[in-house]
Amino acid sequence: MHSHAEHNHPTVKGKNLWYSILLNIVITVAQVIGGLLSGSLSLLSDALHNFSDVISLIISFIANRIAGKEASYNKTFGYKRAEIIAAFVNALSLIVIAILLIKEAVFRFLDPQPIESNLVIGLAILAIIGNGLSVLLMKNDSKTNMNMRSAYLHLFTDMLASVAVLIGGLLMKFYQIFWVDSLLTVAIAIYLIFVGWDLLKDSFKVLMLFTPSEIPLKTIAEEICKIEEVKNMHHIHVWQLNETETHLEAHIDFKEDITLSQFDTILVKIENKIREYGINHINIQPEFNKPDNKSIIVQD
């Protein structure tokens, strides 16, 4: 017997993501031109960072659109996992970008070169404004959607990187301290690794069908076994399809050979208890004296 709990799926505003893509394309083009004219490696590096984020945002935008497609006979879950895959790819790219930034920062630290600081300062301010607007556009959606959160993190770190470039430009202009840009780049890269790793782990767990850490399987089984007619709850599987759907399937061994109508009545009690743990898709297989493995976890 399969049950779907009544639950609301938050509407993600893909158009905000599209606006962010356009803003970042403008920023990237401006930084590439400015970096070539000023001779600033930090500006070119930030442009590369922004360009990689444009690609990540496009991936997120496509995934957001695909995820809304309906299920079919050969795709019974539809494309609901598309955004989780996008979140995983984006998180992985955050870490890769951070490593490349650290490598570039080391080279720049060993060989600092004077650059046209006025152009760097102006373009850094432009990038901060553009990325700041993008962050504001994505903030609400990032709270409820893993894919949007990955895009939001990319944009937020872009803004931080631009702040670092601005600070570096000011220090270079007034104090001729050229190595500070490398130091700030390393700091931002470490932050990129930190946030990227958390998102990578979360999306990996969902893709691997791991049981959500907040779901206590033993406790759920014990609670279900307190129902008078239930003898045993076993062969349990719990997984997240995406961020809004958590599924549970299990076998329930009954003390008596009950009728189907009796089972339907008891099933309501079982579902109500399970839903208390945030599980909204429930599939129960009833059994009576079936000679199968009665362990809570059974390897299929």
C-alpha atoms as a PDB file:
ATOM      1  CA  MET A   1       0.000   0.000   0.000  1.00  0.00           C
ATOM      2  CA  HIS A   2       1.385   3.355  -1.029  1.00  0.00           C
ATOM      3  CA  SER A   3       0.606   6.726   0.510  1.00  0.00           C
ATOM      4  CA  HIS A   4       1.466  10.297  -0.446  1.00  0.00           C
ATOM      5  CA  ALA A   5       1.232  12.823   2.348  1.00  0.00           C
ATOM      6  CA  GLU A   6      -0.212  16.215   1.555  1.00  0.00           C
ATOM      7  CA  HIS A   7       2.737  18.526   1.214  1.00  0.00           C
ATOM      8  CA  ASN A   8       3.571  21.729  -0.617  1.00  0.00           C
ATOM      9  CA  HIS A   9       6.489  21.976  -3.033  1.00  0.00           C
ATOM     10  CA  PRO A  10       8.005  25.459  -2.953  1.00  0.00           C
ATOM     11  CA  THR A  11       7.985  27.230  -6.293  1.00  0.00           C
ATOM     12  CA  VAL A  12      11.503  28.063  -7.410  1.00  0.00           C
ATOM     13  CA  LYS A  13      11.788  31.193  -9.510  1.00  0.00           C
ATOM     14  CA  GLY A  14      13.953  30.130 -12.453  1.00  0.00           C
ATOM     15  CA  LYS A  15      13.662  33.626 -13.940  1.00  0.00           C
ATOM     16  CA  ASN A  16      15.771  35.001 -11.070  1.00  0.00           C
ATOM     17  CA  LEU A  17      18.461  32.524 -12.055  1.00  0.00           C
ATOM     18  CA  TRP A  18      18.225  33.741 -15.659  1.00  0.00           C
ATOM     19  CA  TYR A  19      18.684  37.362 -14.582  1.00  0.00           C
ATOM     20  CA  SER A  20      21.731  36.296 -12.566  1.00  0.00           C
ATOM     21  CA  ILE A  21      23.198  34.546 -15.610  1.00  0.00           C
ATOM     22  CA  LEU A  22      22.868  37.717 -17.708  1.00  0.00           C
ATOM     23  CA  LEU A  23      24.447  39.862 -14.969  1.00  0.00           C
ATOM     24  CA  ASN A  24      27.394  37.488 -14.644  1.00  0.00           C
ATOM     25  CA  ILE A  25      27.991  37.394 -18.397  1.00  0.00           C
ATOM     26  CA  VAL A  26      28.265  41.194 -18.398  1.00  0.00           C
ATOM     27  CA  ILE A  27      30.637  41.098 -15.400  1.00  0.00           C
ATOM     28  CA  THR A  28      32.818  38.398 -16.988  1.00  0.00           C
ATOM     29  CA  VAL A  29      33.198  40.226 -20.305  1.00  0.00           C
ATOM     30  CA  ALA A  30      34.010  43.507 -18.518  1.00  0.00           C
ATOM     31  CA  GLN A  31      36.621  41.821 -16.295  1.00  0.00           C
ATOM     32  CA  VAL A  32      38.325  40.053 -19.200  1.00  0.00           C
ATOM     33  CA  ILE A  33      38.658  43.331 -21.125  1.00  0.00           C
ATOM     34  CA  GLY A  34      39.754  45.185 -17.986  1.00  0.00           C
ATOM     35  CA  GLY A  35      42.250  42.495 -17.021  1.00  0.00           C
ATOM     36  CA  LEU A  36      43.891  42.572 -20.447  1.00  0.00           C
ATOM     37  CA  LEU A  37      44.050  46.379 -20.497  1.00  0.00           C
ATOM     38  CA  SER A  38      45.370  46.729 -16.934  1.00  0.00           C
ATOM     39  CA  GLY A  39      47.653  43.692 -16.895  1.00  0.00           C
ATOM     40  CA  SER A  40      45.908  42.465 -13.744  1.00  0.00           C
ATOM     41  CA  LEU A  41      46.118  38.719 -13.205  1.00  0.00           C
ATOM     42  CA  SER A  42      43.760  39.013 -10.232  1.00  0.00           C
ATOM     43  CA  LEU A  43      41.107  40.591 -12.445  1.00  0.00           C
ATOM     44  CA  LEU A  44      41.556  37.896 -15.093  1.00  0.00           C
ATOM     45  CA  SER A  45      41.423  35.244 -12.373  1.00  0.00           C
ATOM     46  CA  ASP A  46      38.183  36.731 -11.046  1.00  0.00           C
ATOM     47  CA  ALA A  47      36.853  36.790 -14.614  1.00  0.00           C
ATOM     48  CA  LEU A  48      37.668  33.083 -14.948  1.00  0.00           C
ATOM     49  CA  HIS A  49      35.916  32.489 -11.639  1.00  0.00           C
ATOM     50  CA  ASN A  50      32.845  34.380 -12.867  1.00  0.00           C
ATOM     51  CA  PHE A  51      32.872  32.547 -16.190  1.00  0.00           C
ATOM     52  CA  SER A  52      32.906  29.168 -14.443  1.00  0.00           C
ATOM     53  CA  ASP A  53      29.962  30.370 -12.392  1.00  0.00           C
ATOM     54  CA  VAL A  54      28.088  31.389 -15.539  1.00  0.00           C
ATOM     55  CA  ILE A  55      28.452  27.778 -16.709  1.00  0.00           C
ATOM     56  CA  SER A  56      27.296  26.515 -13.280  1.00  0.00           C
ATOM     57  CA  LEU A  57      24.313  28.878 -13.297  1.00  0.00           C
ATOM     58  CA  ILE A  58      23.321  27.691 -16.776  1.00  0.00           C
ATOM     59  CA  ILE A  59      23.488  24.088 -15.513  1.00  0.00           C
ATOM     60  CA  SER A  60      21.291  25.068 -12.561  1.00  0.00           C
ATOM     61  CA  PHE A  61      18.839  26.894 -14.848  1.00  0.00           C
ATOM     62  CA  ILE A  62      18.500  23.884 -17.165  1.00  0.00           C
ATOM     63  CA  ALA A  63      18.117  21.528 -14.194  1.00  0.00           C
ATOM     64  CA  ASN A  64      15.431  23.778 -12.705  1.00  0.00           C
ATOM     65  CA  ARG A  65      13.492  23.590 -15.972  1.00  0.00           C
ATOM     66  CA  ILE A  66      13.968  19.831 -16.408  1.00  0.00           C
ATOM     67  CA  ALA A  67      12.896  19.087 -12.816  1.00  0.00           C
ATOM     68  CA  GLY A  68       9.445  20.484 -13.561  1.00  0.00           C
ATOM     69  CA  LYS A  69       8.710  17.921 -16.290  1.00  0.00           C
ATOM     70  CA  GLU A  70       5.977  15.420 -15.520  1.00  0.00           C
ATOM     71  CA  ALA A  71       6.517  11.727 -14.867  1.00  0.00           C
ATOM     72  CA  SER A  72       5.893   9.184 -17.617  1.00  0.00           C
ATOM     73  CA  TYR A  73       5.730   5.423 -18.083  1.00  0.00           C
ATOM     74  CA  ASN A  74       9.475   5.181 -18.635  1.00  0.00           C
ATOM     75  CA  LYS A  75      10.341   7.956 -16.139  1.00  0.00           C
ATOM     76  CA  THR A  76       8.048   7.298 -13.181  1.00  0.00           C
ATOM     77  CA  PHE A  77       9.843   9.806 -10.946  1.00  0.00           C
ATOM     78  CA  GLY A  78      10.060  12.378 -13.735  1.00  0.00           C
ATOM     79  CA  TYR A  79      13.216  14.495 -13.591  1.00  0.00           C
ATOM     80  CA  LYS A  80      13.088  15.367  -9.900  1.00  0.00           C
ATOM     81  CA  ARG A  81      16.716  14.333  -9.391  1.00  0.00           C
ATOM     82  CA  ALA A  82      18.010  16.795 -12.018  1.00  0.00           C
ATOM     83  CA  GLU A  83      18.516  19.584  -9.494  1.00  0.00           C
ATOM     84  CA  ILE A  84      20.377  17.289  -7.087  1.00  0.00           C
ATOM     85  CA  ILE A  85      22.771  16.306  -9.879  1.00  0.00           C
ATOM     86  CA  ALA A  86      23.261  19.997 -10.709  1.00  0.00           C
ATOM     87  CA  ALA A  87      23.976  20.757  -7.043  1.00  0.00           C
ATOM     88  CA  PHE A  88      26.591  17.966  -6.959  1.00  0.00           C
ATOM     89  CA  VAL A  89      28.308  19.215 -10.136  1.00  0.00           C
ATOM     90  CA  ASN A  90      28.301  22.802  -8.901  1.00  0.00           C
ATOM     91  CA  ALA A  91      29.663  21.854  -5.482  1.00  0.00           C
ATOM     92  CA  LEU A  92      32.456  19.842  -7.091  1.00  0.00           C
ATOM     93  CA  SER A  93      33.303  22.772  -9.377  1.00  0.00           C
ATOM     94  CA  LEU A  94      33.489  25.093  -6.342  1.00  0.00           C
ATOM     95  CA  ILE A  95      36.225  22.924  -4.862  1.00  0.00           C
ATOM     96  CA  VAL A  96      38.125  22.636  -8.164  1.00  0.00           C
ATOM     97  CA  ILE A  97      37.955  26.418  -8.671  1.00  0.00           C
ATOM     98  CA  ALA A  98      39.244  26.965  -5.127  1.00  0.00           C
ATOM     99  CA  ILE A  99      42.268  24.737  -5.739  1.00  0.00           C
ATOM    100  CA  LEU A 100      43.060  26.574  -8.984  1.00  0.00           C
ATOM    101  CA  LEU A 101      42.723  29.930  -7.213  1.00  0.00           C
ATOM    102  CA  ILE A 102      45.161  28.844  -4.499  1.00  0.00           C
ATOM    103  CA  LYS A 103      47.658  27.680  -7.129  1.00  0.00           C
ATOM    104  CA  GLU A 104      47.373  30.989  -9.002  1.00  0.00           C
ATOM    105  CA  ALA A 105      47.655  32.971  -5.757  1.00  0.00           C
ATOM    106  CA  VAL A 106      50.939  31.235  -4.875  1.00  0.00           C
ATOM    107  CA  PHE A 107      52.436  32.144  -8.252  1.00  0.00           C
ATOM    108  CA  ARG A 108      51.307  35.758  -7.867  1.00  0.00           C
ATOM    109  CA  PHE A 109      52.644  35.930  -4.326  1.00  0.00           C
ATOM    110  CA  LEU A 110      56.088  34.800  -5.505  1.00  0.00           C
ATOM    111  CA  ASP A 111      56.086  37.232  -8.415  1.00  0.00           C
ATOM    112  CA  PRO A 112      53.920  40.302  -7.637  1.00  0.00           C
ATOM    113  CA  GLN A 113      53.678  42.776 -10.501  1.00  0.00           C
ATOM    114  CA  PRO A 114      52.473  46.409 -10.565  1.00  0.00           C
ATOM    115  CA  ILE A 115      49.155  46.881 -12.370  1.00  0.00           C
ATOM    116  CA  GLU A 116      46.720  49.645 -13.327  1.00  0.00           C
ATOM    117  CA  SER A 117      44.879  49.845 -10.010  1.00  0.00           C
ATOM    118  CA  ASN A 118      42.212  52.388 -11.023  1.00  0.00           C
ATOM    119  CA  LEU A 119      40.750  50.025 -13.617  1.00  0.00           C
ATOM    120  CA  VAL A 120      40.863  47.147 -11.126  1.00  0.00           C
ATOM    121  CA  ILE A 121      39.008  49.205  -8.508  1.00  0.00           C
ATOM    122  CA  GLY A 122      36.307  50.321 -10.958  1.00  0.00           C
ATOM    123  CA  LEU A 123      35.625  46.845 -12.311  1.00  0.00           C
ATOM    124  CA  ALA A 124      35.686  45.326  -8.820  1.00  0.00           C
ATOM    125  CA  ILE A 125      32.953  47.764  -7.759  1.00  0.00           C
ATOM    126  CA  LEU A 126      30.947  46.825 -10.877  1.00  0.00           C
ATOM    127  CA  ALA A 127      31.331  43.120 -10.046  1.00  0.00           C
ATOM    128  CA  ILE A 128      30.300  43.667  -6.410  1.00  0.00           C
ATOM    129  CA  ILE A 129      27.120  45.475  -7.490  1.00  0.00           C
ATOM    130  CA  GLY A 130      26.270  42.871 -10.143  1.00  0.00           C
ATOM    131  CA  ASN A 131      26.948  39.872  -7.912  1.00  0.00           C
ATOM    132  CA  GLY A 132      25.208  41.577  -4.997  1.00  0.00           C
ATOM    133  CA  LEU A 133      22.032  41.939  -7.077  1.00  0.00           C
ATOM    134  CA  SER A 134      22.309  38.288  -8.132  1.00  0.00           C
ATOM    135  CA  VAL A 135      22.703  37.178  -4.503  1.00  0.00           C
ATOM    136  CA  LEU A 136      19.567  39.115  -3.511  1.00  0.00           C
ATOM    137  CA  LEU A 137      17.629  37.546  -6.405  1.00  0.00           C
ATOM    138  CA  MET A 138      18.654  34.022  -5.354  1.00  0.00           C
ATOM    139  CA  LYS A 139      18.496  34.346  -1.554  1.00  0.00           C
ATOM    140  CA  ASN A 140      14.904  33.167  -0.952  1.00  0.00           C
ATOM    141  CA  ASP A 141      15.081  30.208  -3.340  1.00  0.00           C
ATOM    142  CA  SER A 142      18.415  29.108  -1.843  1.00  0.00           C
ATOM    143  CA  LYS A 143      16.700  28.380   1.488  1.00  0.00           C
ATOM    144  CA  THR A 144      14.419  25.673   0.085  1.00  0.00           C
ATOM    145  CA  ASN A 145      16.261  24.179  -2.884  1.00  0.00           C
ATOM    146  CA  MET A 146      19.667  22.484  -3.006  1.00  0.00           C
ATOM    147  CA  ASN A 147      20.264  23.346  -6.650  1.00  0.00           C
ATOM    148  CA  MET A 148      19.452  27.019  -6.032  1.00  0.00           C
ATOM    149  CA  ARG A 149      21.645  26.968  -2.922  1.00  0.00           C
ATOM    150  CA  SER A 150      24.598  25.783  -4.996  1.00  0.00           C
ATOM    151  CA  ALA A 151      23.993  28.633  -7.462  1.00  0.00           C
ATOM    152  CA  TYR A 152      23.598  31.079  -4.575  1.00  0.00           C
ATOM    153  CA  LEU A 153      26.914  29.972  -3.051  1.00  0.00           C
ATOM    154  CA  HIS A 154      28.673  30.471  -6.368  1.00  0.00           C
ATOM    155  CA  LEU A 155      27.283  34.007  -6.616  1.00  0.00           C
ATOM    156  CA  PHE A 156      28.044  34.835  -2.989  1.00  0.00           C
ATOM    157  CA  THR A 157      31.644  33.705  -3.312  1.00  0.00           C
ATOM    158  CA  ASP A 158      31.906  35.696  -6.547  1.00  0.00           C
ATOM    159  CA  MET A 159      30.892  38.778  -4.588  1.00  0.00           C
ATOM    160  CA  LEU A 160      33.468  38.013  -1.880  1.00  0.00           C
ATOM    161  CA  ALA A 161      36.139  37.515  -4.521  1.00  0.00           C
ATOM    162  CA  SER A 162      35.266  40.898  -6.025  1.00  0.00           C
ATOM    163  CA  VAL A 163      35.520  42.506  -2.583  1.00  0.00           C
ATOM    164  CA  ALA A 164      38.985  40.991  -2.261  1.00  0.00           C
ATOM    165  CA  VAL A 165      39.950  42.374  -5.665  1.00  0.00           C
ATOM    166  CA  LEU A 166      38.652  45.802  -4.608  1.00  0.00           C
ATOM    167  CA  ILE A 167      40.638  45.744  -1.359  1.00  0.00           C
ATOM    168  CA  GLY A 168      43.704  44.610  -3.267  1.00  0.00           C
ATOM    169  CA  GLY A 169      43.222  47.380  -5.809  1.00  0.00           C
ATOM    170  CA  LEU A 170      42.955  50.027  -3.078  1.00  0.00           C
ATOM    171  CA  LEU A 171      46.070  48.757  -1.292  1.00  0.00           C
ATOM    172  CA  MET A 172      47.960  48.648  -4.574  1.00  0.00           C
ATOM    173  CA  LYS A 173      46.867  52.175  -5.473  1.00  0.00           C
ATOM    174  CA  PHE A 174      47.673  53.862  -2.164  1.00  0.00           C
ATOM    175  CA  TYR A 175      50.383  51.624  -0.632  1.00  0.00           C
ATOM    176  CA  GLN A 176      51.838  49.632  -3.565  1.00  0.00           C
ATOM    177  CA  ILE A 177      51.188  46.405  -1.619  1.00  0.00           C
ATOM    178  CA  PHE A 178      50.776  43.977  -4.478  1.00  0.00           C
ATOM    179  CA  TRP A 179      51.021  40.714  -2.545  1.00  0.00           C
ATOM    180  CA  VAL A 180      47.818  41.337  -0.543  1.00  0.00           C
ATOM    181  CA  ASP A 181      45.700  40.228  -3.492  1.00  0.00           C
ATOM    182  CA  SER A 182      47.243  36.747  -3.303  1.00  0.00           C
ATOM    183  CA  LEU A 183      46.582  36.525   0.436  1.00  0.00           C
ATOM    184  CA  LEU A 184      42.918  37.467   0.022  1.00  0.00           C
ATOM    185  CA  THR A 185      42.550  35.020  -2.857  1.00  0.00           C
ATOM    186  CA  VAL A 186      43.759  32.147  -0.670  1.00  0.00           C
ATOM    187  CA  ALA A 187      41.301  33.144   2.080  1.00  0.00           C
ATOM    188  CA  ILE A 188      38.401  33.141  -0.380  1.00  0.00           C
ATOM    189  CA  ALA A 189      39.523  29.817  -1.842  1.00  0.00           C
ATOM    190  CA  ILE A 190      39.542  28.192   1.596  1.00  0.00           C
ATOM    191  CA  TYR A 191      35.997  29.444   2.141  1.00  0.00           C
ATOM    192  CA  LEU A 192      35.015  28.007  -1.257  1.00  0.00           C
ATOM    193  CA  ILE A 193      36.331  24.594  -0.224  1.00  0.00           C
ATOM    194  CA  PHE A 194      34.494  24.759   3.100  1.00  0.00           C
ATOM    195  CA  VAL A 195      31.036  25.549   1.675  1.00  0.00           C
ATOM    196  CA  GLY A 196      31.552  23.399  -1.407  1.00  0.00           C
ATOM    197  CA  TRP A 197      32.445  20.334   0.641  1.00  0.00           C
ATOM    198  CA  ASP A 198      29.276  20.573   2.757  1.00  0.00           C
ATOM    199  CA  LEU A 199      27.079  20.875  -0.330  1.00  0.00           C
ATOM    200  CA  LEU A 200      28.984  18.069  -2.064  1.00  0.00           C
ATOM    201  CA  LYS A 201      28.374  15.740   0.889  1.00  0.00           C
ATOM    202  CA  ASP A 202      24.660  16.603   1.094  1.00  0.00           C
ATOM    203  CA  SER A 203      23.993  16.089  -2.606  1.00  0.00           C
ATOM    204  CA  PHE A 204      26.126  12.903  -2.668  1.00  0.00           C
ATOM    205  CA  LYS A 205      24.060  11.395   0.156  1.00  0.00           C
ATOM    206  CA  VAL A 206      20.840  12.042  -1.749  1.00  0.00           C
ATOM    207  CA  LEU A 207      22.227  10.598  -4.995  1.00  0.00           C
ATOM    208  CA  MET A 208      23.462   7.489  -3.163  1.00  0.00           C
ATOM    209  CA  LEU A 209      20.035   6.945  -1.546  1.00  0.00           C
ATOM    210  CA  PHE A 210      21.518   7.204   1.952  1.00  0.00           C
ATOM    211  CA  THR A 211      19.033   7.408   4.818  1.00  0.00           C
ATOM    212  CA  PRO A 212      18.728  11.047   5.963  1.00  0.00           C
ATOM    213  CA  SER A 213      20.721  11.477   9.169  1.00  0.00           C
ATOM    214  CA  GLU A 214      17.710  12.872  11.046  1.00  0.00           C
ATOM    215  CA  ILE A 215      15.556   9.760  10.407  1.00  0.00           C
ATOM    216  CA  PRO A 216      15.851   7.269  13.359  1.00  0.00           C
ATOM    217  CA  LEU A 217      14.970   3.917  11.784  1.00  0.00           C
ATOM    218  CA  LYS A 218      15.169   1.897  15.014  1.00  0.00           C
ATOM    219  CA  THR A 219      12.892   4.333  16.821  1.00  0.00           C
ATOM    220  CA  ILE A 220      10.361   4.272  13.977  1.00  0.00           C
ATOM    221  CA  ALA A 221      10.325   0.450  13.991  1.00  0.00           C
ATOM    222  CA  GLU A 222       9.838   0.408  17.775  1.00  0.00           C
ATOM    223  CA  GLU A 223       6.955   2.897  17.560  1.00  0.00           C
ATOM    224  CA  ILE A 224       5.199   0.906  14.832  1.00  0.00           C
ATOM    225  CA  CYS A 225       5.566  -2.318  16.826  1.00  0.00           C
ATOM    226  CA  LYS A 226       3.638  -0.669  19.683  1.00  0.00           C
ATOM    227  CA  ILE A 227       0.516  -0.821  17.520  1.00  0.00           C
ATOM    228  CA  GLU A 228      -1.481  -3.759  18.886  1.00  0.00           C
ATOM    229  CA  GLU A 229      -1.913  -5.686  15.646  1.00  0.00           C
ATOM    230  CA  VAL A 230       1.701  -5.335  14.506  1.00  0.00           C
ATOM    231  CA  LYS A 231       4.190  -8.091  15.233  1.00  0.00           C
ATOM    232  CA  ASN A 232       7.258  -6.794  13.418  1.00  0.00           C
ATOM    233  CA  MET A 233       8.475  -4.033  11.095  1.00  0.00           C
ATOM    234  CA  HIS A 234      11.406  -5.048   8.930  1.00  0.00           C
ATOM    235  CA  HIS A 235      13.168  -4.702   5.565  1.00  0.00           C
ATOM    236  CA  ILE A 236      13.026  -0.914   5.806  1.00  0.00           C
ATOM    237  CA  HIS A 237      14.318   1.446   3.130  1.00  0.00           C
ATOM    238  CA  VAL A 238      14.328   5.209   3.593  1.00  0.00           C
ATOM    239  CA  TRP A 239      15.693   7.657   1.038  1.00  0.00           C
ATOM    240  CA  GLN A 240      15.288  11.166  -0.300  1.00  0.00           C
ATOM    241  CA  LEU A 241      14.149  11.561  -3.890  1.00  0.00           C
ATOM    242  CA  ASN A 242      14.924  15.263  -3.678  1.00  0.00           C
ATOM    243  CA  GLU A 243      14.731  17.963  -1.029  1.00  0.00           C
ATOM    244  CA  THR A 244      10.950  17.836  -0.686  1.00  0.00           C
ATOM    245  CA  GLU A 245      10.275  14.093  -0.885  1.00  0.00           C
ATOM    246  CA  THR A 246      11.405  11.505   1.640  1.00  0.00           C
ATOM    247  CA  HIS A 247      10.305   7.936   0.930  1.00  0.00           C
ATOM    248  CA  LEU A 248       9.908   4.909   3.192  1.00  0.00           C
ATOM    249  CA  GLU A 249       9.108   1.365   2.216  1.00  0.00           C
ATOM    250  CA  ALA A 250       8.912  -1.513   4.675  1.00  0.00           C
ATOM    251  CA  HIS A 251       7.404  -4.920   5.408  1.00  0.00           C
ATOM    252  CA  ILE A 252       4.936  -5.217   8.289  1.00  0.00           C
ATOM    253  CA  ASP A 253       4.393  -8.641   9.840  1.00  0.00           C
ATOM    254  CA  PHE A 254       0.951  -8.900  11.487  1.00  0.00           C
ATOM    255  CA  LYS A 255       0.018 -11.069  14.475  1.00  0.00           C
ATOM    256  CA  GLU A 256      -3.156 -12.340  12.780  1.00  0.00           C
ATOM    257  CA  ASP A 257      -4.325 -13.066   9.250  1.00  0.00           C
ATOM    258  CA  ILE A 258      -6.293  -9.836   8.939  1.00  0.00           C
ATOM    259  CA  THR A 259      -8.613  -8.786   6.101  1.00  0.00           C
ATOM    260  CA  LEU A 260      -7.743  -6.091   3.589  1.00  0.00           C
ATOM    261  CA  SER A 261     -10.235  -3.671   5.154  1.00  0.00           C
ATOM    262  CA  GLN A 262      -8.680  -4.250   8.590  1.00  0.00           C
ATOM    263  CA  PHE A 263      -5.250  -3.594   7.115  1.00  0.00           C
ATOM    264  CA  ASP A 264      -6.438  -0.299   5.614  1.00  0.00           C
ATOM    265  CA  THR A 265      -7.593   0.841   9.062  1.00  0.00           C
ATOM    266  CA  ILE A 266      -4.314  -0.108  10.709  1.00  0.00           C
ATOM    267  CA  LEU A 267      -2.356   1.448   7.834  1.00  0.00           C
ATOM    268  CA  VAL A 268      -3.733   4.869   8.736  1.00  0.00           C
ATOM    269  CA  LYS A 269      -2.226   4.500  12.241  1.00  0.00           C
ATOM    270  CA  ILE A 270       1.109   3.363  10.781  1.00  0.00           C
ATOM    271  CA  GLU A 271       1.260   6.247   8.309  1.00  0.00           C
ATOM    272  CA  ASN A 272       0.402   8.840  10.951  1.00  0.00           C
ATOM    273  CA  LYS A 273       3.268   7.675  13.156  1.00  0.00           C
ATOM    274  CA  ILE A 274       5.759   7.584  10.275  1.00  0.00           C
ATOM    275  CA  ARG A 275       4.807  11.065   9.068  1.00  0.00           C
ATOM    276  CA  GLU A 276       5.787  12.467  12.447  1.00  0.00           C
ATOM    277  CA  TYR A 277       9.397  11.934  11.324  1.00  0.00           C
ATOM    278  CA  GLY A 278       9.073  14.053   8.173  1.00  0.00           C
ATOM    279  CA  ILE A 279       8.500  11.135   5.790  1.00  0.00           C
ATOM    280  CA  ASN A 280       5.823  11.949   3.213  1.00  0.00           C
ATOM    281  CA  HIS A 281       5.832   8.983   0.787  1.00  0.00           C
ATOM    282  CA  ILE A 282       5.066   5.644   2.465  1.00  0.00           C
ATOM    283  CA  ASN A 283       4.839   2.183   0.924  1.00  0.00           C
ATOM    284  CA  ILE A 284       3.954  -0.736   3.231  1.00  0.00           C
ATOM    285  CA  GLN A 285       3.961  -4.450   2.344  1.00  0.00           C
ATOM    286  CA  PRO A 286       1.715  -6.466   4.732  1.00  0.00           C
ATOM    287  CA  GLU A 287       2.737 -10.014   5.724  1.00  0.00           C
ATOM    288  CA  PHE A 288       1.520 -12.866   7.936  1.00  0.00           C
ATOM    289  CA  ASN A 289       3.894 -15.674   8.924  1.00  0.00           C
ATOM    290  CA  LYS A 290       6.010 -15.136   5.825  1.00  0.00           C
ATOM    291  CA  PRO A 291       9.394 -16.888   6.185  1.00  0.00           C
ATOM    292  CA  ASP A 292      11.565 -13.918   5.291  1.00  0.00           C
ATOM    293  CA  ASN A 293      14.390 -12.014   6.994  1.00  0.00           C
ATOM    294  CA  LYS A 294      12.912 -10.027   9.920  1.00  0.00           C
ATOM    295  CA  SER A 295      15.880  -7.684  10.336  1.00  0.00           C
ATOM    296  CA  ILE A 296      15.235  -3.941  10.162  1.00  0.00           C
ATOM    297  CA  ILE A 297      17.841  -3.622   7.402  1.00  0.00           C
ATOM    298  CA  VAL A 298      17.964  -6.303   4.709  1.00  0.00           C
ATOM    299  CA  GLN A 299      20.383  -6.149   1.801  1.00  0.00           C
ATOM    300  CA  ASP A 300      18.355  -6.729  -1.385  1.00  0.00           C
END
